[in-house]
Amino acid sequence: MHSISNNQQSILRSCHLGFIYQLHHLLLDFNIIENVALPLLIQRKSKLEAFEQAYDILSDVGIEKKVKSFPSELSGGERQRVAIARALVTKPSLIIADEPTGHLDKKNSDRILELLLKFNRKYQTTFLIVTHDITFFKNIPLKMELKSGKLYKINP
């Protein structure tokens, strides 16, 4: 990363990386489809193409009926699904998820896990997930643990 320019780093981040945060970090003044289309608009996709792709991914997360809604009108689980859609809309190679179920109840946590596993298979996207949720952790196919600054593979 240090050997490439800032512009190349920005392109790498916008085209090949997605992020899902513990809190959704949706833009409150934008409706759901605008929030999800934004990464594509930043990549200079046409508005039509960006909104079509945003709608498709919102359909994948089961929230296509609320595309005109604003984040304040959604439940916590719905907001997190929108955040997942936003991370996936550019079809990145890697999505980094920081406690994606940290503020959700068990039902919504289970739904988020199902979505991440589905998208891992469907889009061949790799997910790097940081979690303290032991139930979530048990259902991840490849597990690693960071101990004292070293990364260890955990056998199933």
Protein backbone atom coordinates (compact mmCIF):
# COMPACT_ATOMS: atom_id res chain seq x y z
CA MET A 1 0.00 0.00 0.00
CA HIS A 2 2.84 2.38 0.74
CA SER A 3 4.28 1.96 -2.74
CA ILE A 4 1.16 3.18 -4.58
CA SER A 5 -0.13 6.74 -4.87
CA ASN A 6 -2.98 8.17 -2.80
CA ASN A 7 -5.15 8.14 -5.92
CA GLN A 8 -4.38 4.44 -6.52
CA GLN A 9 -5.16 3.71 -2.86
CA SER A 10 -8.53 5.46 -3.23
CA ILE A 11 -9.34 3.45 -6.34
CA LEU A 12 -8.36 0.22 -4.59
CA ARG A 13 -10.59 1.06 -1.61
CA SER A 14 -13.59 2.11 -3.70
CA CYS A 15 -13.43 -0.81 -6.15
CA HIS A 16 -12.12 -3.75 -4.13
CA LEU A 17 -13.01 -3.12 -0.48
CA GLY A 18 -16.31 -2.84 1.33
CA PHE A 19 -16.91 -1.99 4.96
CA ILE A 20 -19.67 -2.94 7.38
CA TYR A 21 -19.46 -1.14 10.69
CA GLN A 22 -20.94 -1.98 14.07
CA LEU A 23 -23.31 0.93 13.59
CA HIS A 24 -24.77 1.33 10.12
CA HIS A 25 -23.35 4.85 9.40
CA LEU A 26 -26.06 5.57 6.85
CA LEU A 27 -26.52 9.14 5.65
CA LEU A 28 -29.66 10.34 7.40
CA ASP A 29 -30.63 12.89 4.72
CA PHE A 30 -30.54 10.25 1.97
CA ASN A 31 -33.15 7.58 1.43
CA ILE A 32 -32.18 3.92 1.38
CA ILE A 33 -31.60 3.58 -2.35
CA GLU A 34 -29.51 6.77 -2.39
CA ASN A 35 -27.39 5.45 0.48
CA VAL A 36 -26.72 2.20 -1.38
CA ALA A 37 -26.18 3.83 -4.79
CA LEU A 38 -23.65 6.35 -3.45
CA PRO A 39 -20.52 4.14 -3.77
CA LEU A 40 -21.40 3.52 -7.43
CA LEU A 41 -21.96 7.22 -8.08
CA ILE A 42 -18.55 7.90 -6.53
CA GLN A 43 -17.15 5.40 -9.07
CA ARG A 44 -18.79 7.58 -11.74
CA LYS A 45 -21.47 5.09 -12.75
CA SER A 46 -24.51 6.67 -14.35
CA LYS A 47 -27.37 7.49 -12.00
CA LEU A 48 -29.60 4.96 -13.78
CA GLU A 49 -27.03 2.17 -13.53
CA ALA A 50 -26.23 3.01 -9.88
CA PHE A 51 -29.89 2.99 -8.86
CA GLU A 52 -30.62 -0.25 -10.77
CA GLN A 53 -27.70 -2.02 -9.07
CA ALA A 54 -28.68 -0.56 -5.69
CA TYR A 55 -32.24 -1.83 -6.13
CA ASP A 56 -30.99 -5.31 -7.08
CA ILE A 57 -28.79 -5.60 -4.00
CA LEU A 58 -31.55 -4.20 -1.77
CA SER A 59 -33.76 -6.96 -3.17
CA ASP A 60 -31.08 -9.49 -2.22
CA VAL A 61 -31.18 -8.30 1.40
CA GLY A 62 -35.00 -8.29 1.40
CA ILE A 63 -35.62 -4.59 1.82
CA GLU A 64 -36.58 -3.50 -1.70
CA LYS A 65 -40.02 -2.34 -0.56
CA LYS A 66 -38.45 0.39 1.57
CA VAL A 67 -36.14 2.02 -0.99
CA LYS A 68 -37.76 5.44 -0.54
CA SER A 69 -37.58 5.21 3.28
CA PHE A 70 -35.01 7.11 5.30
CA PRO A 71 -32.77 5.42 7.88
CA SER A 72 -34.79 6.90 10.77
CA GLU A 73 -37.84 4.99 9.50
CA LEU A 74 -36.16 1.58 9.71
CA SER A 75 -35.49 -0.88 12.52
CA GLY A 76 -31.91 -1.62 13.60
CA GLY A 77 -31.87 -4.89 11.66
CA GLU A 78 -33.18 -3.18 8.53
CA ARG A 79 -30.54 -0.45 8.80
CA GLN A 80 -27.81 -3.07 9.12
CA ARG A 81 -29.12 -4.86 6.00
CA VAL A 82 -28.94 -1.55 4.13
CA ALA A 83 -25.34 -1.14 5.36
CA ILE A 84 -24.56 -4.64 4.07
CA ALA A 85 -26.16 -3.78 0.71
CA ARG A 86 -24.05 -0.61 0.53
CA ALA A 87 -20.88 -2.63 1.21
CA LEU A 88 -21.81 -5.22 -1.44
CA VAL A 89 -23.10 -2.95 -4.20
CA THR A 90 -19.66 -2.50 -5.82
CA LYS A 91 -19.08 -6.28 -5.63
CA PRO A 92 -15.76 -5.89 -3.83
CA SER A 93 -13.22 -8.67 -3.39
CA LEU A 94 -13.08 -8.14 0.37
CA ILE A 95 -15.55 -6.82 2.91
CA ILE A 96 -14.29 -5.92 6.35
CA ALA A 97 -17.03 -6.20 8.97
CA ASP A 98 -16.48 -4.80 12.45
CA GLU A 99 -18.99 -6.36 14.87
CA PRO A 100 -21.77 -6.39 12.24
CA THR A 101 -24.25 -7.81 14.77
CA GLY A 102 -23.02 -5.90 17.82
CA HIS A 103 -26.21 -3.86 18.28
CA LEU A 104 -28.74 -6.43 17.10
CA ASP A 105 -31.00 -8.95 18.83
CA LYS A 106 -30.56 -12.70 18.22
CA LYS A 107 -33.15 -12.89 15.42
CA ASN A 108 -31.51 -10.07 13.44
CA SER A 109 -28.00 -11.37 14.20
CA ASP A 110 -28.97 -14.75 12.74
CA ARG A 111 -30.41 -13.05 9.66
CA ILE A 112 -27.23 -11.00 9.14
CA LEU A 113 -25.10 -14.16 9.42
CA GLU A 114 -27.28 -15.89 6.81
CA LEU A 115 -26.89 -12.89 4.48
CA LEU A 116 -23.11 -12.76 4.82
CA LEU A 117 -22.77 -16.50 4.15
CA LYS A 118 -25.14 -16.19 1.16
CA PHE A 119 -23.16 -13.33 -0.34
CA ASN A 120 -19.88 -15.12 0.29
CA ARG A 121 -21.14 -17.92 -1.96
CA LYS A 122 -23.09 -15.80 -4.48
CA TYR A 123 -20.49 -13.12 -5.17
CA GLN A 124 -17.32 -14.96 -4.12
CA THR A 125 -16.69 -12.10 -1.72
CA THR A 126 -14.30 -12.69 1.15
CA PHE A 127 -15.44 -11.39 4.52
CA LEU A 128 -13.06 -10.45 7.29
CA ILE A 129 -15.36 -10.35 10.32
CA VAL A 130 -14.39 -9.15 13.77
CA THR A 131 -16.86 -10.37 16.38
CA HIS A 132 -17.28 -11.15 20.05
CA ASP A 133 -20.61 -12.90 19.37
CA ILE A 134 -19.83 -16.58 20.09
CA THR A 135 -22.97 -17.86 18.32
CA PHE A 136 -22.09 -15.88 15.21
CA PHE A 137 -18.48 -17.06 15.48
CA LYS A 138 -19.43 -20.76 15.69
CA ASN A 139 -21.25 -20.58 12.34
CA ILE A 140 -18.37 -19.09 10.33
CA PRO A 141 -16.64 -21.72 8.15
CA LEU A 142 -13.04 -20.47 8.54
CA LYS A 143 -12.12 -19.09 11.92
CA MET A 144 -9.00 -17.35 13.08
CA GLU A 145 -8.09 -15.79 16.38
CA LEU A 146 -5.82 -12.91 17.16
CA LYS A 147 -3.82 -13.51 20.34
CA SER A 148 -0.98 -11.31 21.52
CA GLY A 149 -0.58 -9.83 18.05
CA LYS A 150 -0.43 -13.21 16.26
CA LEU A 151 -3.10 -14.72 14.03
CA TYR A 152 -3.98 -18.39 14.54
CA LYS A 153 -6.26 -20.65 12.50
CA ILE A 154 -8.80 -22.37 14.74
CA ASN A 155 -9.54 -25.95 13.83
CA PRO A 156 -13.24 -26.81 13.48
